Amino acid sequence: MNKPIIYRLTVQGRLKESWSAWFNGMTITVEVDSHGSHSTTLTGPVVDQTALHGMLDKVRDLGLQLVLVKRIEGEGGSNS
């Protein structure tokens, strides 16, 4: 059985934690840089590539600028 893969998606701007449900329960972390600009990081398991593309579609549909997509942990617990 395939395990979900942990991904980190970072977008410019600020998303409220209430958006977590729309992004399949991913953890939402908002950061502010030294210039006062916000970025939001969504971290959590993604069951397959179709689900990942679905989340990327949501980012696009919200008009957010995608900054980073990173695979944090893959099958078998190895980092990629």
C-alpha atoms as a PDB file:
ATOM      1  CA  MET A   1       0.000   0.000   0.000  1.00  0.00           C
ATOM      2  CA  ASN A   2       1.365   3.429  -0.951  1.00  0.00           C
ATOM      3  CA  LYS A   3       1.888   5.934   1.832  1.00  0.00           C
ATOM      4  CA  PRO A   4       1.031   9.592   1.273  1.00  0.00           C
ATOM      5  CA  ILE A   5       3.993  11.827   0.514  1.00  0.00           C
ATOM      6  CA  ILE A   6       4.566  14.951   2.621  1.00  0.00           C
ATOM      7  CA  TYR A   7       4.690  18.144   0.557  1.00  0.00           C
ATOM      8  CA  ARG A   8       5.315  21.803   1.345  1.00  0.00           C
ATOM      9  CA  LEU A   9       3.651  24.444  -0.831  1.00  0.00           C
ATOM     10  CA  THR A  10       4.499  28.106  -0.295  1.00  0.00           C
ATOM     11  CA  VAL A  11       2.486  30.967  -1.763  1.00  0.00           C
ATOM     12  CA  GLN A  12       2.754  34.726  -1.518  1.00  0.00           C
ATOM     13  CA  GLY A  13       0.135  36.342   0.644  1.00  0.00           C
ATOM     14  CA  ARG A  14      -1.743  35.303   3.714  1.00  0.00           C
ATOM     15  CA  LEU A  15      -4.242  32.462   4.043  1.00  0.00           C
ATOM     16  CA  LYS A  16      -6.249  32.038   7.232  1.00  0.00           C
ATOM     17  CA  GLU A  17      -6.070  28.710   9.052  1.00  0.00           C
ATOM     18  CA  SER A  18      -9.720  28.150   8.133  1.00  0.00           C
ATOM     19  CA  TRP A  19      -8.554  27.389   4.563  1.00  0.00           C
ATOM     20  CA  SER A  20      -6.894  24.205   5.855  1.00  0.00           C
ATOM     21  CA  ALA A  21     -10.048  22.148   5.206  1.00  0.00           C
ATOM     22  CA  TRP A  22     -10.121  23.278   1.559  1.00  0.00           C
ATOM     23  CA  PHE A  23      -6.524  22.088   1.237  1.00  0.00           C
ATOM     24  CA  ASN A  24      -7.236  18.585   2.578  1.00  0.00           C
ATOM     25  CA  GLY A  25      -6.295  19.401   6.171  1.00  0.00           C
ATOM     26  CA  MET A  26      -2.791  20.663   5.424  1.00  0.00           C
ATOM     27  CA  THR A  27      -1.100  22.678   8.167  1.00  0.00           C
ATOM     28  CA  ILE A  28      -1.048  26.408   7.373  1.00  0.00           C
ATOM     29  CA  THR A  29       1.824  28.586   8.574  1.00  0.00           C
ATOM     30  CA  VAL A  30       2.012  32.317   7.834  1.00  0.00           C
ATOM     31  CA  GLU A  31       5.345  34.140   7.900  1.00  0.00           C
ATOM     32  CA  VAL A  32       6.175  37.820   7.602  1.00  0.00           C
ATOM     33  CA  ASP A  33       9.523  38.929   6.172  1.00  0.00           C
ATOM     34  CA  SER A  34      11.528  41.988   7.224  1.00  0.00           C
ATOM     35  CA  HIS A  35       9.628  44.116   4.669  1.00  0.00           C
ATOM     36  CA  GLY A  36       6.224  43.148   6.076  1.00  0.00           C
ATOM     37  CA  SER A  37       5.312  40.830   3.172  1.00  0.00           C
ATOM     38  CA  HIS A  38       3.331  37.707   4.046  1.00  0.00           C
ATOM     39  CA  SER A  39       3.854  34.196   2.741  1.00  0.00           C
ATOM     40  CA  THR A  40       1.834  31.109   3.575  1.00  0.00           C
ATOM     41  CA  THR A  41       3.193  27.580   3.744  1.00  0.00           C
ATOM     42  CA  LEU A  42       0.903  24.556   3.490  1.00  0.00           C
ATOM     43  CA  THR A  43       2.448  21.310   4.728  1.00  0.00           C
ATOM     44  CA  GLY A  44       0.962  17.846   4.838  1.00  0.00           C
ATOM     45  CA  PRO A  45       0.374  14.478   3.228  1.00  0.00           C
ATOM     46  CA  VAL A  46      -0.673  14.191  -0.407  1.00  0.00           C
ATOM     47  CA  VAL A  47      -2.035  10.796  -1.435  1.00  0.00           C
ATOM     48  CA  ASP A  48      -0.977  10.913  -5.095  1.00  0.00           C
ATOM     49  CA  GLN A  49      -0.045  13.153  -8.021  1.00  0.00           C
ATOM     50  CA  THR A  50      -3.697  13.743  -8.901  1.00  0.00           C
ATOM     51  CA  ALA A  51      -4.308  15.175  -5.420  1.00  0.00           C
ATOM     52  CA  LEU A  52      -1.178  17.347  -5.712  1.00  0.00           C
ATOM     53  CA  HIS A  53      -2.367  18.766  -9.030  1.00  0.00           C
ATOM     54  CA  GLY A  54      -5.788  19.390  -7.467  1.00  0.00           C
ATOM     55  CA  MET A  55      -4.163  21.497  -4.741  1.00  0.00           C
ATOM     56  CA  LEU A  56      -2.116  23.387  -7.322  1.00  0.00           C
ATOM     57  CA  ASP A  57      -5.368  24.061  -9.201  1.00  0.00           C
ATOM     58  CA  LYS A  58      -6.827  25.528  -5.995  1.00  0.00           C
ATOM     59  CA  VAL A  59      -3.797  27.804  -5.606  1.00  0.00           C
ATOM     60  CA  ARG A  60      -4.336  28.977  -9.186  1.00  0.00           C
ATOM     61  CA  ASP A  61      -8.092  29.422  -8.709  1.00  0.00           C
ATOM     62  CA  LEU A  62      -7.454  31.638  -5.664  1.00  0.00           C
ATOM     63  CA  GLY A  63      -5.098  33.781  -7.740  1.00  0.00           C
ATOM     64  CA  LEU A  64      -2.180  33.097  -5.402  1.00  0.00           C
ATOM     65  CA  GLN A  65       1.401  33.286  -6.602  1.00  0.00           C
ATOM     66  CA  LEU A  66       3.110  29.928  -6.094  1.00  0.00           C
ATOM     67  CA  VAL A  67       6.612  30.305  -4.674  1.00  0.00           C
ATOM     68  CA  LEU A  68       7.652  26.741  -3.832  1.00  0.00           C
ATOM     69  CA  VAL A  69       6.522  23.138  -4.132  1.00  0.00           C
ATOM     70  CA  LYS A  70       8.788  20.737  -2.263  1.00  0.00           C
ATOM     71  CA  ARG A  71       8.539  17.034  -1.535  1.00  0.00           C
ATOM     72  CA  ILE A  72       9.541  16.764   2.124  1.00  0.00           C
ATOM     73  CA  GLU A  73       9.213  13.072   2.829  1.00  0.00           C
ATOM     74  CA  GLY A  74       8.569  10.222   0.456  1.00  0.00           C
ATOM     75  CA  GLU A  75       7.632   6.598   0.669  1.00  0.00           C
ATOM     76  CA  GLY A  76       9.695   4.706   3.184  1.00  0.00           C
ATOM     77  CA  GLY A  77      10.468   7.870   5.157  1.00  0.00           C
ATOM     78  CA  SER A  78      13.337   9.065   2.955  1.00  0.00           C
ATOM     79  CA  ASN A  79      13.779  12.758   2.272  1.00  0.00           C
ATOM     80  CA  SER A  80      13.794  13.873  -1.342  1.00  0.00           C
END
